PDB file of N, CA and C in Angstrom:
ATOM      1  N   MET A   1     -29.998 -36.795  -8.445  1.00  0.00           N
ATOM      2  CA  MET A   1     -29.782 -36.195  -9.483  1.00  0.00           C
ATOM      3  C   MET A   1     -29.295 -37.321 -10.493  1.00  0.00           C
ATOM      4  N   PRO A   2     -29.644 -36.988 -11.758  1.00  0.00           N
ATOM      5  CA  PRO A   2     -29.285 -37.967 -12.833  1.00  0.00           C
ATOM      6  C   PRO A   2     -28.187 -37.456 -13.476  1.00  0.00           C
ATOM      7  N   TRP A   3     -27.799 -36.023 -12.911  1.00  0.00           N
ATOM      8  CA  TRP A   3     -26.641 -35.027 -13.311  1.00  0.00           C
ATOM      9  C   TRP A   3     -26.113 -34.397 -12.468  1.00  0.00           C
ATOM     10  N   SER A   4     -25.001 -33.944 -12.672  1.00  0.00           N
ATOM     11  CA  SER A   4     -23.965 -32.869 -12.144  1.00  0.00           C
ATOM     12  C   SER A   4     -23.611 -32.007 -12.593  1.00  0.00           C
ATOM     13  N   ASP A   5     -23.392 -30.695 -11.744  1.00  0.00           N
ATOM     14  CA  ASP A   5     -22.726 -29.262 -12.659  1.00  0.00           C
ATOM     15  C   ASP A   5     -22.214 -28.950 -11.711  1.00  0.00           C
ATOM     16  N   ALA A   6     -21.402 -27.901 -12.107  1.00  0.00           N
ATOM     17  CA  ALA A   6     -20.494 -27.230 -11.235  1.00  0.00           C
ATOM     18  C   ALA A   6     -21.359 -26.462 -10.266  1.00  0.00           C
ATOM     19  N   PRO A   7     -20.420 -26.027  -8.907  1.00  0.00           N
ATOM     20  CA  PRO A   7     -21.122 -24.810  -8.425  1.00  0.00           C
ATOM     21  C   PRO A   7     -21.363 -23.774  -8.622  1.00  0.00           C
ATOM     22  N   LEU A   8     -22.545 -23.227  -8.430  1.00  0.00           N
ATOM     23  CA  LEU A   8     -23.076 -21.953  -8.670  1.00  0.00           C
ATOM     24  C   LEU A   8     -22.475 -20.803  -8.543  1.00  0.00           C
ATOM     25  N   VAL A   9     -21.996 -20.914  -7.406  1.00  0.00           N
ATOM     26  CA  VAL A   9     -21.065 -20.068  -6.378  1.00  0.00           C
ATOM     27  C   VAL A   9     -19.692 -20.652  -5.903  1.00  0.00           C
ATOM     28  N   PRO A  10     -18.926 -19.763  -5.526  1.00  0.00           N
ATOM     29  CA  PRO A  10     -17.764 -20.537  -4.414  1.00  0.00           C
ATOM     30  C   PRO A  10     -18.412 -20.646  -3.328  1.00  0.00           C
ATOM     31  N   ASP A  11     -17.575 -21.485  -2.347  1.00  0.00           N
ATOM     32  CA  ASP A  11     -17.858 -22.217  -1.443  1.00  0.00           C
ATOM     33  C   ASP A  11     -18.604 -21.199  -0.556  1.00  0.00           C
ATOM     34  N   ILE A  12     -19.712 -21.053   0.277  1.00  0.00           N
ATOM     35  CA  ILE A  12     -20.093 -20.173   1.556  1.00  0.00           C
ATOM     36  C   ILE A  12     -19.817 -20.418   2.777  1.00  0.00           C
ATOM     37  N   GLY A  13     -19.182 -21.745   3.141  1.00  0.00           N
ATOM     38  CA  GLY A  13     -19.307 -22.221   3.852  1.00  0.00           C
ATOM     39  C   GLY A  13     -20.439 -22.992   4.735  1.00  0.00           C
ATOM     40  N   ILE A  14     -20.818 -23.738   5.955  1.00  0.00           N
ATOM     41  CA  ILE A  14     -21.429 -24.041   6.840  1.00  0.00           C
ATOM     42  C   ILE A  14     -22.191 -23.422   7.345  1.00  0.00           C
ATOM     43  N   LEU A  15     -23.583 -23.181   7.284  1.00  0.00           N
ATOM     44  CA  LEU A  15     -24.418 -22.484   7.809  1.00  0.00           C
ATOM     45  C   LEU A  15     -25.741 -23.660   8.980  1.00  0.00           C
ATOM     46  N   ALA A  16     -25.908 -23.336  10.106  1.00  0.00           N
ATOM     47  CA  ALA A  16     -26.606 -23.874  10.907  1.00  0.00           C
ATOM     48  C   ALA A  16     -27.770 -22.627  11.731  1.00  0.00           C
ATOM     49  N   SER A  17     -28.935 -23.205  12.050  1.00  0.00           N
ATOM     50  CA  SER A  17     -29.531 -22.806  12.871  1.00  0.00           C
ATOM     51  C   SER A  17     -30.792 -23.407  13.487  1.00  0.00           C
ATOM     52  N   ARG A  18     -31.662 -23.292  14.109  1.00  0.00           N
ATOM     53  CA  ARG A  18     -32.877 -24.151  14.603  1.00  0.00           C
ATOM     54  C   ARG A  18     -33.776 -23.207  14.412  1.00  0.00           C
ATOM     55  N   ASP A  19     -33.801 -21.995  13.160  1.00  0.00           N
ATOM     56  CA  ASP A  19     -34.865 -21.671  12.588  1.00  0.00           C
ATOM     57  C   ASP A  19     -34.939 -22.017  11.538  1.00  0.00           C
ATOM     58  N   PRO A  20     -35.673 -22.711  10.507  1.00  0.00           N
ATOM     59  CA  PRO A  20     -35.232 -22.900   9.274  1.00  0.00           C
ATOM     60  C   PRO A  20     -35.489 -21.950   7.876  1.00  0.00           C
ATOM     61  N   VAL A  21     -36.504 -21.216   8.483  1.00  0.00           N
ATOM     62  CA  VAL A  21     -36.664 -19.459   7.964  1.00  0.00           C
ATOM     63  C   VAL A  21     -35.711 -18.920   7.409  1.00  0.00           C
ATOM     64  N   ALA A  22     -34.571 -18.256   8.500  1.00  0.00           N
ATOM     65  CA  ALA A  22     -34.004 -17.839   9.074  1.00  0.00           C
ATOM     66  C   ALA A  22     -33.000 -18.201   8.245  1.00  0.00           C
ATOM     67  N   LEU A  23     -32.382 -19.732   8.428  1.00  0.00           N
ATOM     68  CA  LEU A  23     -31.513 -20.404   7.785  1.00  0.00           C
ATOM     69  C   LEU A  23     -31.282 -20.093   6.209  1.00  0.00           C
ATOM     70  N   ASP A  24     -32.903 -20.554   5.596  1.00  0.00           N
ATOM     71  CA  ASP A  24     -33.083 -20.362   4.099  1.00  0.00           C
ATOM     72  C   ASP A  24     -32.660 -19.041   3.723  1.00  0.00           C
ATOM     73  N   HIS A  25     -32.983 -17.873   4.652  1.00  0.00           N
ATOM     74  CA  HIS A  25     -32.809 -16.393   4.104  1.00  0.00           C
ATOM     75  C   HIS A  25     -31.593 -15.943   4.209  1.00  0.00           C
ATOM     76  N   ALA A  26     -30.419 -16.353   5.093  1.00  0.00           N
ATOM     77  CA  ALA A  26     -29.305 -16.362   5.424  1.00  0.00           C
ATOM     78  C   ALA A  26     -28.527 -17.263   4.212  1.00  0.00           C
ATOM     79  N   SER A  27     -29.073 -18.453   4.047  1.00  0.00           N
ATOM     80  CA  SER A  27     -28.034 -18.987   2.839  1.00  0.00           C
ATOM     81  C   SER A  27     -28.630 -18.141   1.223  1.00  0.00           C
ATOM     82  N   PHE A  28     -29.511 -18.062   0.885  1.00  0.00           N
ATOM     83  CA  PHE A  28     -29.918 -17.421  -0.163  1.00  0.00           C
ATOM     84  C   PHE A  28     -29.356 -15.722  -0.223  1.00  0.00           C
ATOM     85  N   ASP A  29     -29.286 -15.040   0.870  1.00  0.00           N
ATOM     86  CA  ASP A  29     -28.673 -13.800   0.689  1.00  0.00           C
ATOM     87  C   ASP A  29     -27.196 -14.147   0.207  1.00  0.00           C
ATOM     88  N   LEU A  30     -26.679 -14.856   1.374  1.00  0.00           N
ATOM     89  CA  LEU A  30     -25.069 -15.565   1.110  1.00  0.00           C
ATOM     90  C   LEU A  30     -24.607 -15.868  -0.316  1.00  0.00           C
ATOM     91  N   VAL A  31     -25.580 -16.931  -0.827  1.00  0.00           N
ATOM     92  CA  VAL A  31     -25.417 -17.113  -2.092  1.00  0.00           C
ATOM     93  C   VAL A  31     -25.738 -16.254  -3.344  1.00  0.00           C
ATOM     94  N   ASN A  32     -26.342 -15.414  -2.921  1.00  0.00           N
ATOM     95  CA  ASN A  32     -26.734 -14.400  -4.101  1.00  0.00           C
ATOM     96  C   ASN A  32     -25.740 -13.247  -4.458  1.00  0.00           C
ATOM     97  N   ALA A  33     -25.006 -12.905  -3.063  1.00  0.00           N
ATOM     98  CA  ALA A  33     -24.035 -12.140  -3.049  1.00  0.00           C
ATOM     99  C   ALA A  33     -22.547 -12.209  -3.460  1.00  0.00           C
ATOM    100  N   GLN A  34     -22.172 -13.741  -3.998  1.00  0.00           N
ATOM    101  CA  GLN A  34     -20.945 -14.159  -4.273  1.00  0.00           C
ATOM    102  C   GLN A  34     -21.143 -13.912  -6.272  1.00  0.00           C
ATOM    103  N   GLN A  35     -19.979 -13.881  -6.570  1.00  0.00           N
ATOM    104  CA  GLN A  35     -19.900 -13.625  -8.028  1.00  0.00           C
ATOM    105  C   GLN A  35     -20.113 -15.116  -8.923  1.00  0.00           C
ATOM    106  N   GLY A  36     -21.127 -15.164  -9.558  1.00  0.00           N
ATOM    107  CA  GLY A  36     -21.322 -16.391 -10.337  1.00  0.00           C
ATOM    108  C   GLY A  36     -20.101 -17.226 -10.934  1.00  0.00           C
ATOM    109  N   MET A  37     -19.882 -18.984 -10.771  1.00  0.00           N
ATOM    110  CA  MET A  37     -18.990 -19.058 -11.425  1.00  0.00           C
ATOM    111  C   MET A  37     -19.764 -19.636 -12.885  1.00  0.00           C
ATOM    112  N   LYS A  38     -18.649 -18.883 -14.244  1.00  0.00           N
ATOM    113  CA  LYS A  38     -18.993 -19.177 -15.368  1.00  0.00           C
ATOM    114  C   LYS A  38     -19.336 -20.127 -16.259  1.00  0.00           C
ATOM    115  N   ASP A  39     -18.551 -21.616 -15.471  1.00  0.00           N
ATOM    116  CA  ASP A  39     -18.883 -22.757 -16.387  1.00  0.00           C
ATOM    117  C   ASP A  39     -19.779 -23.639 -14.775  1.00  0.00           C
ATOM    118  N   SER A  40     -20.851 -22.790 -14.645  1.00  0.00           N
ATOM    119  CA  SER A  40     -21.924 -23.336 -14.284  1.00  0.00           C
ATOM    120  C   SER A  40     -23.330 -23.645 -15.015  1.00  0.00           C
ATOM    121  N   ALA A  41     -24.188 -23.879 -14.303  1.00  0.00           N
ATOM    122  CA  ALA A  41     -25.906 -23.706 -15.466  1.00  0.00           C
ATOM    123  C   ALA A  41     -26.143 -22.723 -15.174  1.00  0.00           C
ATOM    124  N   LEU A  42     -25.466 -21.041 -14.722  1.00  0.00           N
ATOM    125  CA  LEU A  42     -26.193 -19.811 -14.655  1.00  0.00           C
ATOM    126  C   LEU A  42     -26.300 -19.540 -16.257  1.00  0.00           C
ATOM    127  N   GLN A  43     -27.360 -19.297 -16.616  1.00  0.00           N
ATOM    128  CA  GLN A  43     -27.492 -18.657 -17.721  1.00  0.00           C
ATOM    129  C   GLN A  43     -27.483 -16.913 -17.576  1.00  0.00           C
ATOM    130  N   HIS A  44     -27.513 -16.313 -16.644  1.00  0.00           N
ATOM    131  CA  HIS A  44     -27.531 -14.907 -16.114  1.00  0.00           C
ATOM    132  C   HIS A  44     -27.375 -15.194 -14.926  1.00  0.00           C
ATOM    133  N   HIS A  45     -27.721 -13.461 -14.410  1.00  0.00           N
ATOM    134  CA  HIS A  45     -27.129 -13.411 -12.797  1.00  0.00           C
ATOM    135  C   HIS A  45     -26.160 -13.382 -12.506  1.00  0.00           C
ATOM    136  N   HIS A  46     -25.253 -13.750 -13.442  1.00  0.00           N
ATOM    137  CA  HIS A  46     -23.541 -13.866 -12.752  1.00  0.00           C
ATOM    138  C   HIS A  46     -22.942 -12.827 -11.832  1.00  0.00           C
ATOM    139  N   LYS A  47     -23.235 -11.528 -11.837  1.00  0.00           N
ATOM    140  CA  LYS A  47     -22.663 -10.471 -10.635  1.00  0.00           C
ATOM    141  C   LYS A  47     -22.738 -10.506  -9.208  1.00  0.00           C
ATOM    142  N   SER A  48     -22.195 -10.446  -8.416  1.00  0.00           N
ATOM    143  CA  SER A  48     -22.969 -10.392  -7.516  1.00  0.00           C
ATOM    144  C   SER A  48     -23.719  -9.242  -6.909  1.00  0.00           C
ATOM    145  N   GLY A  49     -24.900  -9.737  -5.824  1.00  0.00           N
ATOM    146  CA  GLY A  49     -26.174  -9.595  -5.438  1.00  0.00           C
ATOM    147  C   GLY A  49     -26.990  -9.487  -6.354  1.00  0.00           C
ATOM    148  N   GLU A  50     -26.772 -10.459  -7.845  1.00  0.00           N
ATOM    149  CA  GLU A  50     -28.036 -10.863  -8.527  1.00  0.00           C
ATOM    150  C   GLU A  50     -28.704 -11.977  -8.275  1.00  0.00           C
ATOM    151  N   ASP A  51     -29.437 -12.564  -8.360  1.00  0.00           N
ATOM    152  CA  ASP A  51     -30.623 -13.727  -8.027  1.00  0.00           C
ATOM    153  C   ASP A  51     -29.631 -15.146  -8.527  1.00  0.00           C
ATOM    154  N   LYS A  52     -28.761 -15.700  -7.996  1.00  0.00           N
ATOM    155  CA  LYS A  52     -28.229 -17.094  -9.102  1.00  0.00           C
ATOM    156  C   LYS A  52     -29.750 -18.087  -9.537  1.00  0.00           C
ATOM    157  N   PHE A  53     -30.251 -17.906  -8.053  1.00  0.00           N
ATOM    158  CA  PHE A  53     -31.339 -18.609  -8.437  1.00  0.00           C
ATOM    159  C   PHE A  53     -32.095 -18.911  -9.554  1.00  0.00           C
ATOM    160  N   GLN A  54     -33.038 -17.721 -10.142  1.00  0.00           N
ATOM    161  CA  GLN A  54     -33.501 -17.218 -11.312  1.00  0.00           C
ATOM    162  C   GLN A  54     -32.153 -17.083 -12.334  1.00  0.00           C
ATOM    163  N   GLY A  55     -31.181 -17.126 -12.140  1.00  0.00           N
ATOM    164  CA  GLY A  55     -30.495 -17.231 -12.998  1.00  0.00           C
ATOM    165  C   GLY A  55     -30.226 -18.642 -13.951  1.00  0.00           C
ATOM    166  N   VAL A  56     -30.448 -19.470 -13.415  1.00  0.00           N
ATOM    167  CA  VAL A  56     -30.558 -21.156 -13.550  1.00  0.00           C
ATOM    168  C   VAL A  56     -32.215 -21.773 -13.711  1.00  0.00           C
ATOM    169  N   TRP A  57     -33.197 -20.719 -12.759  1.00  0.00           N
ATOM    170  CA  TRP A  57     -34.287 -21.200 -12.846  1.00  0.00           C
ATOM    171  C   TRP A  57     -35.292 -20.280 -12.567  1.00  0.00           C
ATOM    172  N   ALA A  58     -35.676 -19.643 -14.353  1.00  0.00           N
ATOM    173  CA  ALA A  58     -36.122 -18.256 -14.700  1.00  0.00           C
ATOM    174  C   ALA A  58     -37.429 -18.233 -13.872  1.00  0.00           C
ATOM    175  N   ASN A  59     -38.254 -18.919 -13.082  1.00  0.00           N
ATOM    176  CA  ASN A  59     -39.366 -19.022 -12.275  1.00  0.00           C
ATOM    177  C   ASN A  59     -39.024 -19.338 -10.602  1.00  0.00           C
ATOM    178  N   THR A  60     -38.455 -19.181 -10.424  1.00  0.00           N
ATOM    179  CA  THR A  60     -38.489 -19.468  -8.579  1.00  0.00           C
ATOM    180  C   THR A  60     -38.025 -18.072  -8.249  1.00  0.00           C
ATOM    181  N   ALA A  61     -38.617 -17.936  -7.219  1.00  0.00           N
ATOM    182  CA  ALA A  61     -39.150 -16.828  -6.470  1.00  0.00           C
ATOM    183  C   ALA A  61     -38.408 -17.351  -4.914  1.00  0.00           C
ATOM    184  N   GLY A  62     -37.389 -17.054  -4.381  1.00  0.00           N
ATOM    185  CA  GLY A  62     -36.793 -17.411  -3.308  1.00  0.00           C
ATOM    186  C   GLY A  62     -37.214 -16.504  -1.887  1.00  0.00           C
ATOM    187  N   TYR A  63     -37.612 -14.991  -2.075  1.00  0.00           N
ATOM    188  CA  TYR A  63     -38.197 -14.098  -1.332  1.00  0.00           C
ATOM    189  C   TYR A  63     -39.296 -14.799  -0.804  1.00  0.00           C
ATOM    190  N   ARG A  64     -40.295 -15.099  -1.869  1.00  0.00           N
ATOM    191  CA  ARG A  64     -41.592 -15.929  -1.912  1.00  0.00           C
ATOM    192  C   ARG A  64     -41.310 -17.005  -0.895  1.00  0.00           C
ATOM    193  N   GLN A  65     -40.484 -17.883  -1.210  1.00  0.00           N
ATOM    194  CA  GLN A  65     -40.288 -18.839  -0.332  1.00  0.00           C
ATOM    195  C   GLN A  65     -40.363 -18.829   0.877  1.00  0.00           C
ATOM    196  N   ILE A  66     -39.496 -17.958   1.517  1.00  0.00           N
ATOM    197  CA  ILE A  66     -38.979 -17.407   2.690  1.00  0.00           C
ATOM    198  C   ILE A  66     -40.296 -16.492   3.206  1.00  0.00           C
ATOM    199  N   GLY A  67     -40.701 -15.688   2.608  1.00  0.00           N
ATOM    200  CA  GLY A  67     -42.100 -14.663   3.306  1.00  0.00           C
ATOM    201  C   GLY A  67     -43.185 -15.816   3.689  1.00  0.00           C
ATOM    202  N   ASN A  68     -43.359 -17.073   2.920  1.00  0.00           N
ATOM    203  CA  ASN A  68     -44.537 -17.906   2.693  1.00  0.00           C
ATOM    204  C   ASN A  68     -44.565 -18.906   4.098  1.00  0.00           C
ATOM    205  N   GLY A  69     -42.872 -18.915   3.879  1.00  0.00           N
ATOM    206  CA  GLY A  69     -42.359 -19.879   5.318  1.00  0.00           C
ATOM    207  C   GLY A  69     -42.603 -19.070   6.912  1.00  0.00           C
ATOM    208  N   GLN A  70     -42.505 -17.584   6.597  1.00  0.00           N
ATOM    209  CA  GLN A  70     -42.330 -17.073   7.684  1.00  0.00           C
ATOM    210  C   GLN A  70     -44.119 -16.979   7.963  1.00  0.00           C
ATOM    211  N   GLU A  71     -45.240 -16.844   6.889  1.00  0.00           N
ATOM    212  CA  GLU A  71     -46.697 -16.726   7.197  1.00  0.00           C
ATOM    213  C   GLU A  71     -47.415 -17.739   7.615  1.00  0.00           C
ATOM    214  N   ILE A  72     -46.595 -19.152   7.221  1.00  0.00           N
ATOM    215  CA  ILE A  72     -47.432 -20.184   7.774  1.00  0.00           C
ATOM    216  C   ILE A  72     -46.724 -20.860   9.614  1.00  0.00           C
ATOM    217  N   GLY A  73     -45.453 -20.046   9.899  1.00  0.00           N
ATOM    218  CA  GLY A  73     -45.297 -20.412  11.244  1.00  0.00           C
ATOM    219  C   GLY A  73     -43.993 -21.104  11.478  1.00  0.00           C
ATOM    220  N   LEU A  74     -43.440 -21.183  10.316  1.00  0.00           N
ATOM    221  CA  LEU A  74     -42.022 -22.117  10.463  1.00  0.00           C
ATOM    222  C   LEU A  74     -40.893 -21.419  11.167  1.00  0.00           C
ATOM    223  N   GLY A  75     -41.218 -20.499  10.874  1.00  0.00           N
ATOM    224  CA  GLY A  75     -39.945 -19.285  11.375  1.00  0.00           C
ATOM    225  C   GLY A  75     -40.090 -17.692  11.603  1.00  0.00           C
ATOM    226  N   LYS A  76     -38.694 -17.008  11.494  1.00  0.00           N
ATOM    227  CA  LYS A  76     -38.375 -16.127  10.760  1.00  0.00           C
ATOM    228  C   LYS A  76     -37.703 -15.573  10.282  1.00  0.00           C
ATOM    229  N   ALA A  77     -37.748 -14.851   9.477  1.00  0.00           N
ATOM    230  CA  ALA A  77     -36.752 -14.098   8.350  1.00  0.00           C
ATOM    231  C   ALA A  77     -35.547 -13.688   8.346  1.00  0.00           C
ATOM    232  N   GLU A  78     -36.301 -13.191   9.798  1.00  0.00           N
ATOM    233  CA  GLU A  78     -34.283 -12.415  10.631  1.00  0.00           C
ATOM    234  C   GLU A  78     -33.964 -12.917  11.155  1.00  0.00           C
ATOM    235  N   TYR A  79     -32.285 -12.775  10.254  1.00  0.00           N
ATOM    236  CA  TYR A  79     -31.340 -13.489  10.907  1.00  0.00           C
ATOM    237  C   TYR A  79     -30.016 -13.113  11.374  1.00  0.00           C
ATOM    238  N   ARG A  80     -29.056 -13.340  12.104  1.00  0.00           N
ATOM    239  CA  ARG A  80     -27.999 -12.431  13.092  1.00  0.00           C
ATOM    240  C   ARG A  80     -26.744 -13.570  11.962  1.00  0.00           C
ATOM    241  N   LEU A  81     -25.769 -13.295  11.356  1.00  0.00           N
ATOM    242  CA  LEU A  81     -24.902 -14.190  11.027  1.00  0.00           C
ATOM    243  C   LEU A  81     -23.745 -13.755  12.296  1.00  0.00           C
ATOM    244  N   LYS A  82     -23.140 -15.017  12.569  1.00  0.00           N
ATOM    245  CA  LYS A  82     -22.234 -15.275  14.171  1.00  0.00           C
ATOM    246  C   LYS A  82     -21.337 -16.282  13.527  1.00  0.00           C
ATOM    247  N   GLU A  83     -20.139 -15.658  13.374  1.00  0.00           N
ATOM    248  CA  GLU A  83     -18.694 -16.791  12.428  1.00  0.00           C
ATOM    249  C   GLU A  83     -18.244 -17.081  14.036  1.00  0.00           C
ATOM    250  N   ILE A  84     -18.098 -18.454  13.595  1.00  0.00           N
ATOM    251  CA  ILE A  84     -17.264 -19.084  14.661  1.00  0.00           C
ATOM    252  C   ILE A  84     -16.415 -20.625  13.912  1.00  0.00           C
TER     253      ILE A  84
END
């Protein structure tokens, strides 16, 4: 990318999975559970639980992508977090 920005949320760590849909779903949920960073590209949706991606790109629909990935057989949306 020709530009750089501050993180949208504090570091959530590293996730791994053999299921790309479950991985996307867990990542999406963990990012949105965080408080948004004030000095980032977030225009709105700074509160915990709000969609941070829509706070930057209004037409983004993260859960639609997860559902579509599941529908075409890329994986399953269900996940279980296991801290190691």
